[in-house]
Amino acid sequence: MPHSSGGGSHGGGSHGGHSHSHSHGSGSSRHTSRIYFPGSTRYVYYKDKQPVFVFADYDITKKPGPSRYLLLLFYLPFILIFGIGIGQNVIHIPTRLKVDYDASIVIEDNAGVIDDEDELEQTLEKFLDETGIAPSVITVNNEDWETHYVDLETYAYDLYVNHFEDEKHWLLVYSQPRDPDPSFNDWYWEGMQGNDTDKILTDRKCDDFNQDLQKLLTQSTVTPGSAIEQALDDMIPGIMKVSVSWTMIPVWILVVGFLGVHCYFVVFHRSKTSKLYETAIRCNEEVVKQEQCSYCGGVYIVGHHLNCPHCQASVTPHDYTVDDEGRITGILN
């Protein structure tokens, strides 16, 4: 469906077209922490001959299956979609539209404000040859739409769909009163572009055109027809040039970088941590006595090992009490 490429008025300045954005999120149902949280179990593993305690709400000693790496199938499409999607806005390479439609150029000067229609038509033809987009111009009076339409944009939409059956036209609509006030001509204008023109008529290029046309229309020495013709003529030399949006580069880096880092920590970093977790054992949450191995000097938790977890030497025997489930409840000596 066609949509606004921007517009303006004598009293309100120019405005841009319309754009939309979407956001996505993801979460995890498994948690680990260095401090206790409700529903968690304490585990211990050893690193650099020292015990490391971790609380988890799942069994961290189980080796993770391939499902974690299957998360790549979830992350990669998002990285590619956002990377390519935003990347297209960073580096814009326009491609001329294929003229496989009725590319008739329409000029309807209902308001009688175009002083040289032939010159305007030549500029419109030049724009068509350069882009494959058929530009058209219709001028109307404010009285034609103010009674039955909310604004000129809505009226311009109706003009587009009633004149063209494709999405490859760019319609410029200019409006002023039938009898304009000599001291203040209450004029309006609006652009309506087909969806297929979006890759050429980008927001940035339309914004430049909008500002140029608005400035020309406010000059008392320039007629509306000449203003439209000149703004289009100014636009043509750069319309198909490759452009780089420097303001979008930080956005691209931020979005793709965030997804990449998040993917790394969820898939790869957690997998590396899981290798340490595989050596962990469940640890009593009430009684934890640490002792140093007399052979290697490594620290271990009393009551959980028959041999030193660092050098495998026999550990000093201790007497301790256990409950019905075999959990240590106290160290006697």
Protein backbone atom coordinates (compact mmCIF):
# COMPACT_ATOMS: atom_id res chain seq x y z
CA MET A 1 0.00 0.00 0.00
CA PRO A 2 1.24 3.53 -0.71
CA HIS A 3 2.39 5.65 2.18
CA SER A 4 3.45 9.20 2.87
CA SER A 5 6.93 10.30 1.87
CA GLY A 6 6.45 13.51 3.82
CA GLY A 7 4.79 16.85 3.29
CA GLY A 8 4.41 20.36 4.62
CA SER A 9 2.36 23.50 4.85
CA HIS A 10 2.86 27.26 4.84
CA GLY A 11 2.10 27.52 8.55
CA GLY A 12 3.52 24.26 9.89
CA GLY A 13 6.79 23.52 8.08
CA SER A 14 7.69 20.16 6.56
CA HIS A 15 7.31 16.68 8.04
CA GLY A 16 8.71 13.24 7.24
CA GLY A 17 7.02 10.00 6.27
CA HIS A 18 6.11 7.06 8.52
CA SER A 19 8.26 4.22 9.86
CA HIS A 20 7.79 1.33 12.32
CA SER A 21 10.07 -0.70 14.61
CA HIS A 22 9.91 -4.02 16.44
CA SER A 23 11.75 -5.51 19.38
CA HIS A 24 12.43 -9.03 20.55
CA GLY A 25 13.56 -10.62 23.82
CA SER A 26 14.54 -13.97 25.28
CA GLY A 27 15.08 -15.45 28.71
CA SER A 28 16.44 -18.48 30.57
CA SER A 29 14.70 -20.81 33.04
CA ARG A 30 17.92 -22.16 34.67
CA HIS A 31 19.81 -20.11 37.22
CA THR A 32 23.10 -20.28 39.12
CA SER A 33 24.48 -17.93 41.75
CA ARG A 34 27.32 -17.58 44.26
CA ILE A 35 24.73 -16.78 46.95
CA TYR A 36 21.69 -18.72 48.10
CA PHE A 37 18.31 -18.11 46.47
CA PRO A 38 14.97 -19.86 47.10
CA GLY A 39 14.74 -23.30 45.52
CA SER A 40 18.49 -23.65 44.99
CA THR A 41 20.91 -26.42 46.04
CA ARG A 42 24.53 -25.87 47.02
CA TYR A 43 27.33 -27.54 45.06
CA VAL A 44 31.10 -27.38 45.33
CA TYR A 45 33.81 -27.82 42.73
CA TYR A 46 37.52 -27.12 42.91
CA LYS A 47 39.60 -24.62 41.03
CA ASP A 48 43.24 -23.72 41.71
CA LYS A 49 43.17 -26.10 44.70
CA GLN A 50 40.39 -24.09 46.34
CA PRO A 51 36.70 -24.95 46.78
CA VAL A 52 34.19 -22.93 44.79
CA PHE A 53 30.59 -22.90 46.00
CA VAL A 54 27.68 -22.41 43.64
CA PHE A 55 23.91 -22.46 44.15
CA ALA A 56 21.67 -23.74 41.35
CA ASP A 57 18.03 -24.63 40.79
CA TYR A 58 18.99 -27.55 38.51
CA ASP A 59 21.49 -30.41 38.69
CA ILE A 60 24.69 -28.80 37.44
CA THR A 61 26.58 -32.10 37.59
CA LYS A 62 24.72 -33.45 34.56
CA LYS A 63 26.60 -33.02 31.33
CA PRO A 64 24.67 -30.71 29.01
CA GLY A 65 23.35 -32.36 25.90
CA PRO A 66 23.43 -30.96 22.37
CA SER A 67 20.33 -28.84 23.07
CA ARG A 68 22.46 -25.89 24.17
CA TYR A 69 24.19 -25.77 20.82
CA LEU A 70 20.82 -26.07 19.14
CA LEU A 71 20.21 -22.58 20.58
CA LEU A 72 22.45 -21.40 17.75
CA LEU A 73 19.54 -22.19 15.44
CA PHE A 74 17.55 -19.67 17.48
CA TYR A 75 20.19 -16.94 17.65
CA LEU A 76 21.65 -17.09 14.15
CA PRO A 77 18.45 -16.08 12.32
CA PHE A 78 18.09 -13.04 14.59
CA ILE A 79 21.73 -12.07 14.07
CA LEU A 80 21.35 -12.46 10.31
CA ILE A 81 17.98 -10.69 10.13
CA PHE A 82 19.05 -7.73 12.25
CA GLY A 83 22.55 -7.65 10.79
CA ILE A 84 21.40 -7.63 7.17
CA GLY A 85 18.27 -5.56 7.83
CA ILE A 86 20.05 -2.77 9.65
CA GLY A 87 23.08 -3.16 7.39
CA GLN A 88 20.93 -2.25 4.39
CA ASN A 89 20.17 1.04 6.12
CA VAL A 90 23.86 1.59 6.85
CA ILE A 91 25.04 1.06 3.27
CA HIS A 92 22.32 1.87 0.76
CA ILE A 93 22.81 0.64 -2.82
CA PRO A 94 19.76 1.65 -4.86
CA THR A 95 18.69 -0.43 -7.86
CA ARG A 96 16.58 1.02 -10.68
CA LEU A 97 13.03 -0.35 -10.72
CA LYS A 98 12.02 -2.52 -13.64
CA VAL A 99 9.49 -0.64 -15.73
CA ASP A 100 7.05 -3.53 -16.09
CA TYR A 101 3.98 -1.46 -15.23
CA ASP A 102 1.98 1.40 -16.67
CA ALA A 103 4.55 4.15 -16.13
CA SER A 104 2.31 6.92 -17.38
CA ILE A 105 3.19 10.29 -15.83
CA VAL A 106 0.18 12.24 -14.60
CA ILE A 107 0.08 16.03 -14.37
CA GLU A 108 -3.27 17.46 -13.28
CA ASP A 109 -3.16 21.18 -12.56
CA ASN A 110 -6.60 21.60 -11.04
CA ALA A 111 -5.47 24.59 -8.99
CA GLY A 112 -3.89 26.39 -11.97
CA VAL A 113 -0.46 26.90 -10.34
CA ILE A 114 1.85 25.21 -12.88
CA ASP A 115 3.18 27.88 -15.22
CA ASP A 116 5.33 25.62 -17.45
CA GLU A 117 3.85 22.13 -17.69
CA ASP A 118 6.20 21.04 -20.49
CA GLU A 119 9.29 21.83 -18.42
CA LEU A 120 7.85 19.98 -15.40
CA GLU A 121 7.03 16.96 -17.57
CA GLN A 122 10.60 16.86 -18.89
CA THR A 123 11.91 16.74 -15.31
CA LEU A 124 9.43 14.00 -14.40
CA GLU A 125 10.52 11.97 -17.44
CA LYS A 126 14.16 12.43 -16.45
CA PHE A 127 13.35 11.18 -12.95
CA LEU A 128 11.57 8.13 -14.42
CA ASP A 129 14.51 7.32 -16.70
CA GLU A 130 16.93 7.54 -13.77
CA THR A 131 14.98 5.56 -11.16
CA GLY A 132 12.24 3.54 -12.88
CA ILE A 133 9.77 5.34 -10.60
CA ALA A 134 6.97 7.22 -12.36
CA PRO A 135 6.54 10.59 -10.59
CA SER A 136 3.28 12.50 -10.96
CA VAL A 137 1.93 15.86 -9.82
CA ILE A 138 -1.65 16.79 -8.97
CA THR A 139 -2.65 20.22 -7.72
CA VAL A 140 -5.97 20.79 -5.95
CA ASN A 141 -7.75 23.38 -3.85
CA ASN A 142 -8.13 23.19 -0.10
CA GLU A 143 -11.90 23.22 -0.53
CA ASP A 144 -11.66 19.89 -2.42
CA TRP A 145 -10.62 17.93 0.66
CA GLU A 146 -11.03 19.95 3.87
CA THR A 147 -14.73 19.13 4.26
CA HIS A 148 -14.53 15.34 3.84
CA TYR A 149 -10.93 14.45 4.83
CA VAL A 150 -8.99 14.80 8.06
CA ASP A 151 -5.89 16.04 6.28
CA LEU A 152 -4.22 16.26 2.89
CA GLU A 153 -2.29 13.04 3.51
CA THR A 154 -5.52 11.02 3.60
CA TYR A 155 -6.77 12.77 0.46
CA ALA A 156 -3.42 12.15 -1.30
CA TYR A 157 -3.73 8.43 -0.47
CA ASP A 158 -7.13 8.31 -2.19
CA LEU A 159 -5.74 10.16 -5.20
CA TYR A 160 -2.92 7.60 -5.49
CA VAL A 161 -5.08 4.46 -5.32
CA ASN A 162 -7.64 5.96 -7.72
CA HIS A 163 -4.99 6.90 -10.29
CA PHE A 164 -2.49 4.01 -10.07
CA GLU A 165 -2.85 0.24 -9.69
CA ASP A 166 0.85 -0.34 -8.91
CA GLU A 167 3.29 0.45 -6.09
CA LYS A 168 5.89 2.14 -8.32
CA HIS A 169 4.59 5.70 -8.56
CA TRP A 170 5.50 8.75 -6.53
CA LEU A 171 2.63 11.22 -6.35
CA LEU A 172 3.18 14.82 -5.25
CA VAL A 173 0.01 16.70 -4.30
CA TYR A 174 -0.07 20.48 -3.88
CA SER A 175 -3.09 22.34 -2.48
CA GLN A 176 -4.05 25.96 -1.91
CA PRO A 177 -7.31 27.94 -1.49
CA ARG A 178 -9.35 28.83 -4.57
CA ASP A 179 -8.93 32.45 -3.63
CA PRO A 180 -5.66 32.63 -1.68
CA ASP A 181 -5.06 35.53 0.70
CA PRO A 182 -2.34 37.73 -0.91
CA SER A 183 -0.74 38.28 2.52
CA PHE A 184 -0.72 34.57 3.48
CA ASN A 185 -1.37 31.78 0.99
CA ASP A 186 -2.52 28.81 3.14
CA TRP A 187 -0.92 26.12 0.97
CA TYR A 188 -0.22 22.44 1.75
CA TRP A 189 1.66 19.66 -0.01
CA GLU A 190 2.05 15.90 0.47
CA GLY A 191 4.06 13.08 -1.12
CA MET A 192 2.62 9.57 -1.51
CA GLN A 193 4.97 6.76 -2.59
CA GLY A 194 4.29 3.14 -3.52
CA ASN A 195 5.91 0.41 -1.44
CA ASP A 196 8.16 -0.69 -4.32
CA THR A 197 9.88 2.71 -4.30
CA ASP A 198 11.12 2.46 -0.70
CA LYS A 199 14.60 1.20 -1.57
CA ILE A 200 15.19 4.29 -3.72
CA LEU A 201 13.04 6.90 -2.00
CA THR A 202 14.59 6.29 1.42
CA ASP A 203 13.71 8.33 4.49
CA ARG A 204 16.95 10.27 4.22
CA LYS A 205 16.54 11.15 0.54
CA CYS A 206 12.90 12.06 1.02
CA ASP A 207 13.78 14.24 4.01
CA ASP A 208 16.31 16.14 1.89
CA PHE A 209 13.72 16.58 -0.87
CA ASN A 210 11.05 17.65 1.62
CA GLN A 211 13.26 20.33 3.13
CA ASP A 212 14.28 21.58 -0.31
CA LEU A 213 10.69 21.77 -1.61
CA GLN A 214 9.43 23.40 1.59
CA LYS A 215 12.13 26.07 1.33
CA LEU A 216 11.32 26.75 -2.34
CA LEU A 217 7.57 27.01 -1.70
CA THR A 218 8.12 29.67 0.97
CA GLN A 219 9.91 31.92 -1.53
CA SER A 220 7.46 34.44 -2.94
CA THR A 221 9.35 34.63 -6.24
CA VAL A 222 8.96 30.89 -6.96
CA THR A 223 5.66 29.47 -8.22
CA PRO A 224 4.44 26.08 -6.89
CA GLY A 225 5.02 24.39 -10.25
CA SER A 226 8.57 25.76 -10.49
CA ALA A 227 9.28 24.77 -6.87
CA ILE A 228 8.28 21.13 -7.52
CA GLU A 229 10.25 21.04 -10.78
CA GLN A 230 13.38 22.51 -9.17
CA ALA A 231 13.25 20.26 -6.08
CA LEU A 232 13.01 17.17 -8.30
CA ASP A 233 15.78 18.45 -10.54
CA ASP A 234 18.00 18.96 -7.47
CA MET A 235 17.24 15.43 -6.31
CA ILE A 236 17.99 13.55 -9.54
CA PRO A 237 21.85 13.72 -9.57
CA GLY A 238 22.19 11.90 -6.24
CA ILE A 239 19.07 9.73 -6.19
CA MET A 240 20.82 6.53 -7.38
CA LYS A 241 24.19 7.05 -5.68
CA VAL A 242 25.45 4.66 -3.02
CA SER A 243 25.16 6.28 0.39
CA VAL A 244 26.39 5.50 3.89
CA SER A 245 24.36 6.42 6.94
CA TRP A 246 27.04 7.13 9.53
CA THR A 247 24.43 7.59 12.25
CA MET A 248 23.21 4.01 11.71
CA ILE A 249 26.66 2.40 12.13
CA PRO A 250 26.61 2.64 15.97
CA VAL A 251 23.09 1.16 15.95
CA TRP A 252 24.25 -1.74 13.78
CA ILE A 253 27.27 -2.40 16.02
CA LEU A 254 25.13 -2.17 19.17
CA VAL A 255 22.37 -4.54 18.00
CA VAL A 256 24.56 -7.16 16.30
CA GLY A 257 27.17 -6.92 19.07
CA PHE A 258 24.55 -7.40 21.78
CA LEU A 259 23.08 -10.46 20.04
CA GLY A 260 26.56 -11.90 19.43
CA VAL A 261 27.72 -11.42 23.03
CA HIS A 262 24.43 -12.78 24.39
CA CYS A 263 24.74 -15.82 22.13
CA TYR A 264 28.33 -16.39 23.30
CA PHE A 265 27.47 -16.32 26.99
CA VAL A 266 24.35 -18.46 26.61
CA VAL A 267 25.82 -21.09 24.28
CA PHE A 268 29.62 -21.14 24.54
CA HIS A 269 30.52 -19.52 27.84
CA ARG A 270 27.99 -21.58 29.76
CA SER A 271 29.28 -24.70 28.05
CA LYS A 272 32.81 -23.95 29.28
CA THR A 273 31.48 -23.37 32.79
CA SER A 274 29.52 -26.60 32.55
CA LYS A 275 32.81 -28.51 32.21
CA LEU A 276 33.75 -27.30 35.69
CA TYR A 277 30.27 -28.08 36.95
CA GLU A 278 30.63 -31.70 35.79
CA THR A 279 33.22 -32.21 38.56
CA ALA A 280 30.97 -30.62 41.21
CA ILE A 281 29.30 -32.53 44.04
CA ARG A 282 26.31 -31.65 46.15
CA CYS A 283 27.48 -30.01 49.32
CA ASN A 284 25.89 -29.90 52.77
CA GLU A 285 24.26 -26.51 53.27
CA GLU A 286 24.58 -26.39 57.05
CA VAL A 287 27.96 -27.85 57.96
CA VAL A 288 30.98 -27.07 55.80
CA LYS A 289 34.45 -27.67 57.26
CA GLN A 290 37.48 -27.04 55.09
CA GLU A 291 40.81 -28.79 55.55
CA GLN A 292 44.18 -28.59 53.82
CA CYS A 293 45.74 -31.67 52.27
CA SER A 294 48.99 -32.55 54.03
CA TYR A 295 50.55 -33.69 50.74
CA CYS A 296 49.70 -31.04 48.13
CA GLY A 297 48.34 -28.22 50.28
CA GLY A 298 45.06 -28.09 48.42
CA VAL A 299 41.90 -27.23 50.32
CA TYR A 300 38.94 -29.63 50.34
CA ILE A 301 35.60 -30.06 52.14
CA VAL A 302 35.64 -32.56 55.01
CA GLY A 303 33.23 -35.48 54.81
CA HIS A 304 32.80 -35.40 51.04
CA HIS A 305 35.98 -37.17 49.88
CA LEU A 306 37.93 -40.35 50.63
CA ASN A 307 40.87 -38.97 48.65
CA CYS A 308 42.16 -35.47 48.09
CA PRO A 309 40.32 -34.06 45.04
CA HIS A 310 43.59 -32.40 43.93
CA CYS A 311 46.30 -35.07 44.29
CA GLN A 312 44.24 -38.19 45.16
CA ALA A 313 46.20 -38.82 48.38
CA SER A 314 44.30 -40.26 51.33
CA VAL A 315 42.63 -37.60 53.44
CA THR A 316 42.65 -37.36 57.23
CA PRO A 317 39.74 -39.43 58.63
CA HIS A 318 37.05 -37.67 60.67
CA ASP A 319 34.02 -38.74 62.62
CA TYR A 320 30.80 -36.97 61.71
CA THR A 321 27.07 -37.39 62.11
CA VAL A 322 24.60 -37.89 59.28
CA ASP A 323 20.82 -37.78 59.00
CA ASP A 324 18.49 -40.42 57.55
CA GLU A 325 19.24 -39.21 54.01
CA GLY A 326 22.99 -39.47 54.52
CA ARG A 327 23.59 -35.73 54.78
CA ILE A 328 26.30 -34.52 57.16
CA THR A 329 24.82 -32.82 60.20
CA GLY A 330 27.99 -32.27 62.25
CA ILE A 331 31.75 -32.90 62.47
CA LEU A 332 32.74 -34.68 65.72
CA ASN A 333 36.54 -34.52 65.42
